[in-house]
């Protein structure tokens, strides 16, 4: 888990987002990196 400002998100990558992110979420990868966190799609 990655926690920022007391909000925790599941760590993910584009390769495993379908497995690790919850329904309705996608992996938001930081520019220049290969990993990110699951966030709800708006």
N, C-alpha and C. Protein backbone atom coordinates (compact mmCIF):
# COMPACT_ATOMS: atom_id res chain seq x y z
N UNK A 1 0.85 -1.20 0.00
CA UNK A 1 0.00 0.00 0.00
C UNK A 1 0.89 1.25 0.00
N UNK A 2 0.43 2.25 -0.69
CA UNK A 2 1.11 3.53 -0.69
C UNK A 2 0.19 4.54 -0.02
N UNK A 3 0.72 5.26 0.94
CA UNK A 3 -0.12 6.20 1.67
C UNK A 3 0.39 7.63 1.48
N UNK A 4 -0.51 8.50 1.08
CA UNK A 4 -0.19 9.91 0.91
C UNK A 4 -1.25 10.71 1.63
N UNK A 5 -0.83 11.60 2.51
CA UNK A 5 -1.78 12.45 3.22
C UNK A 5 -2.91 11.62 3.84
N UNK A 6 -2.52 10.52 4.47
CA UNK A 6 -3.44 9.65 5.19
C UNK A 6 -4.45 8.93 4.32
N UNK A 7 -4.23 8.96 2.98
CA UNK A 7 -5.09 8.18 2.08
C UNK A 7 -4.24 7.05 1.53
N UNK A 8 -4.68 5.82 1.74
CA UNK A 8 -3.91 4.67 1.30
C UNK A 8 -4.47 4.09 0.01
N UNK A 9 -3.58 3.74 -0.88
CA UNK A 9 -3.96 3.19 -2.17
C UNK A 9 -3.18 1.90 -2.40
N UNK A 10 -3.79 0.99 -3.13
CA UNK A 10 -3.10 -0.24 -3.50
C UNK A 10 -2.07 0.07 -4.59
N UNK A 11 -0.83 -0.38 -4.37
CA UNK A 11 0.19 -0.21 -5.39
C UNK A 11 -0.12 -1.11 -6.58
N UNK A 12 0.23 -0.64 -7.77
CA UNK A 12 -0.08 -1.40 -8.97
C UNK A 12 0.87 -1.00 -10.09
N UNK A 13 0.78 -1.73 -11.17
CA UNK A 13 1.45 -1.35 -12.41
C UNK A 13 0.48 -1.59 -13.55
N UNK A 14 0.80 -1.07 -14.72
CA UNK A 14 -0.10 -1.27 -15.86
C UNK A 14 -0.23 -2.76 -16.19
N UNK A 15 0.80 -3.56 -15.86
CA UNK A 15 0.74 -4.98 -16.18
C UNK A 15 -0.22 -5.74 -15.27
N UNK A 16 -0.41 -5.27 -14.04
CA UNK A 16 -1.24 -6.05 -13.11
C UNK A 16 -2.47 -5.30 -12.61
N UNK A 17 -2.80 -4.17 -13.25
CA UNK A 17 -3.90 -3.37 -12.72
C UNK A 17 -5.23 -4.13 -12.69
N UNK A 18 -5.46 -4.99 -13.68
CA UNK A 18 -6.72 -5.72 -13.72
C UNK A 18 -6.84 -6.68 -12.53
N UNK A 19 -5.71 -7.14 -12.04
CA UNK A 19 -5.72 -8.10 -10.94
C UNK A 19 -5.72 -7.41 -9.57
N UNK A 20 -4.96 -6.34 -9.43
CA UNK A 20 -4.79 -5.75 -8.09
C UNK A 20 -5.75 -4.61 -7.80
N UNK A 21 -6.27 -3.96 -8.84
CA UNK A 21 -7.17 -2.84 -8.60
C UNK A 21 -8.61 -3.33 -8.50
N UNK A 22 -9.39 -2.65 -7.68
CA UNK A 22 -10.78 -3.03 -7.49
C UNK A 22 -11.60 -2.68 -8.72
N UNK A 23 -12.80 -3.22 -8.76
CA UNK A 23 -13.71 -2.91 -9.85
C UNK A 23 -13.95 -1.40 -9.92
N UNK A 24 -13.87 -0.83 -11.11
CA UNK A 24 -14.07 0.60 -11.27
C UNK A 24 -12.83 1.42 -11.04
N UNK A 25 -11.72 0.75 -10.75
CA UNK A 25 -10.46 1.46 -10.55
C UNK A 25 -9.50 1.13 -11.68
N UNK A 26 -8.54 2.01 -11.89
CA UNK A 26 -7.46 1.73 -12.82
C UNK A 26 -6.16 2.21 -12.21
N UNK A 27 -5.05 1.75 -12.78
CA UNK A 27 -3.74 2.09 -12.23
C UNK A 27 -3.27 3.42 -12.80
N UNK A 28 -3.06 4.38 -11.94
CA UNK A 28 -2.55 5.68 -12.36
C UNK A 28 -1.05 5.71 -12.10
N UNK A 29 -0.28 5.56 -13.16
CA UNK A 29 1.17 5.47 -13.06
C UNK A 29 1.77 6.87 -13.12
N UNK A 30 2.70 7.13 -12.22
CA UNK A 30 3.38 8.42 -12.23
C UNK A 30 4.26 8.53 -13.48
N UNK A 31 4.29 9.70 -14.12
CA UNK A 31 5.14 9.88 -15.30
C UNK A 31 6.60 9.56 -14.98
N UNK A 32 7.25 8.81 -15.85
CA UNK A 32 8.65 8.48 -15.66
C UNK A 32 8.88 7.28 -14.75
N UNK A 33 7.80 6.64 -14.28
CA UNK A 33 7.96 5.46 -13.45
C UNK A 33 7.13 4.33 -14.03
N UNK A 34 7.29 3.15 -13.45
CA UNK A 34 6.54 2.00 -13.94
C UNK A 34 5.48 1.56 -12.95
N UNK A 35 5.42 2.21 -11.78
CA UNK A 35 4.43 1.81 -10.79
C UNK A 35 3.56 2.99 -10.41
N UNK A 36 2.40 2.68 -9.90
CA UNK A 36 1.48 3.73 -9.49
C UNK A 36 0.54 3.21 -8.43
N UNK A 37 -0.62 3.83 -8.33
CA UNK A 37 -1.61 3.42 -7.35
C UNK A 37 -2.97 3.31 -8.01
N UNK A 38 -3.80 2.44 -7.45
CA UNK A 38 -5.15 2.27 -7.96
C UNK A 38 -6.00 3.47 -7.57
N UNK A 39 -6.72 4.02 -8.53
CA UNK A 39 -7.61 5.13 -8.25
C UNK A 39 -8.92 4.92 -8.99
N UNK A 40 -9.98 5.42 -8.40
CA UNK A 40 -11.29 5.32 -9.04
C UNK A 40 -11.29 6.10 -10.34
N UNK A 41 -11.93 5.55 -11.35
CA UNK A 41 -12.10 6.26 -12.61
C UNK A 41 -13.29 7.20 -12.47
N UNK A 42 -13.10 8.43 -12.87
CA UNK A 42 -14.17 9.42 -12.78
C UNK A 42 -14.76 9.66 -14.15
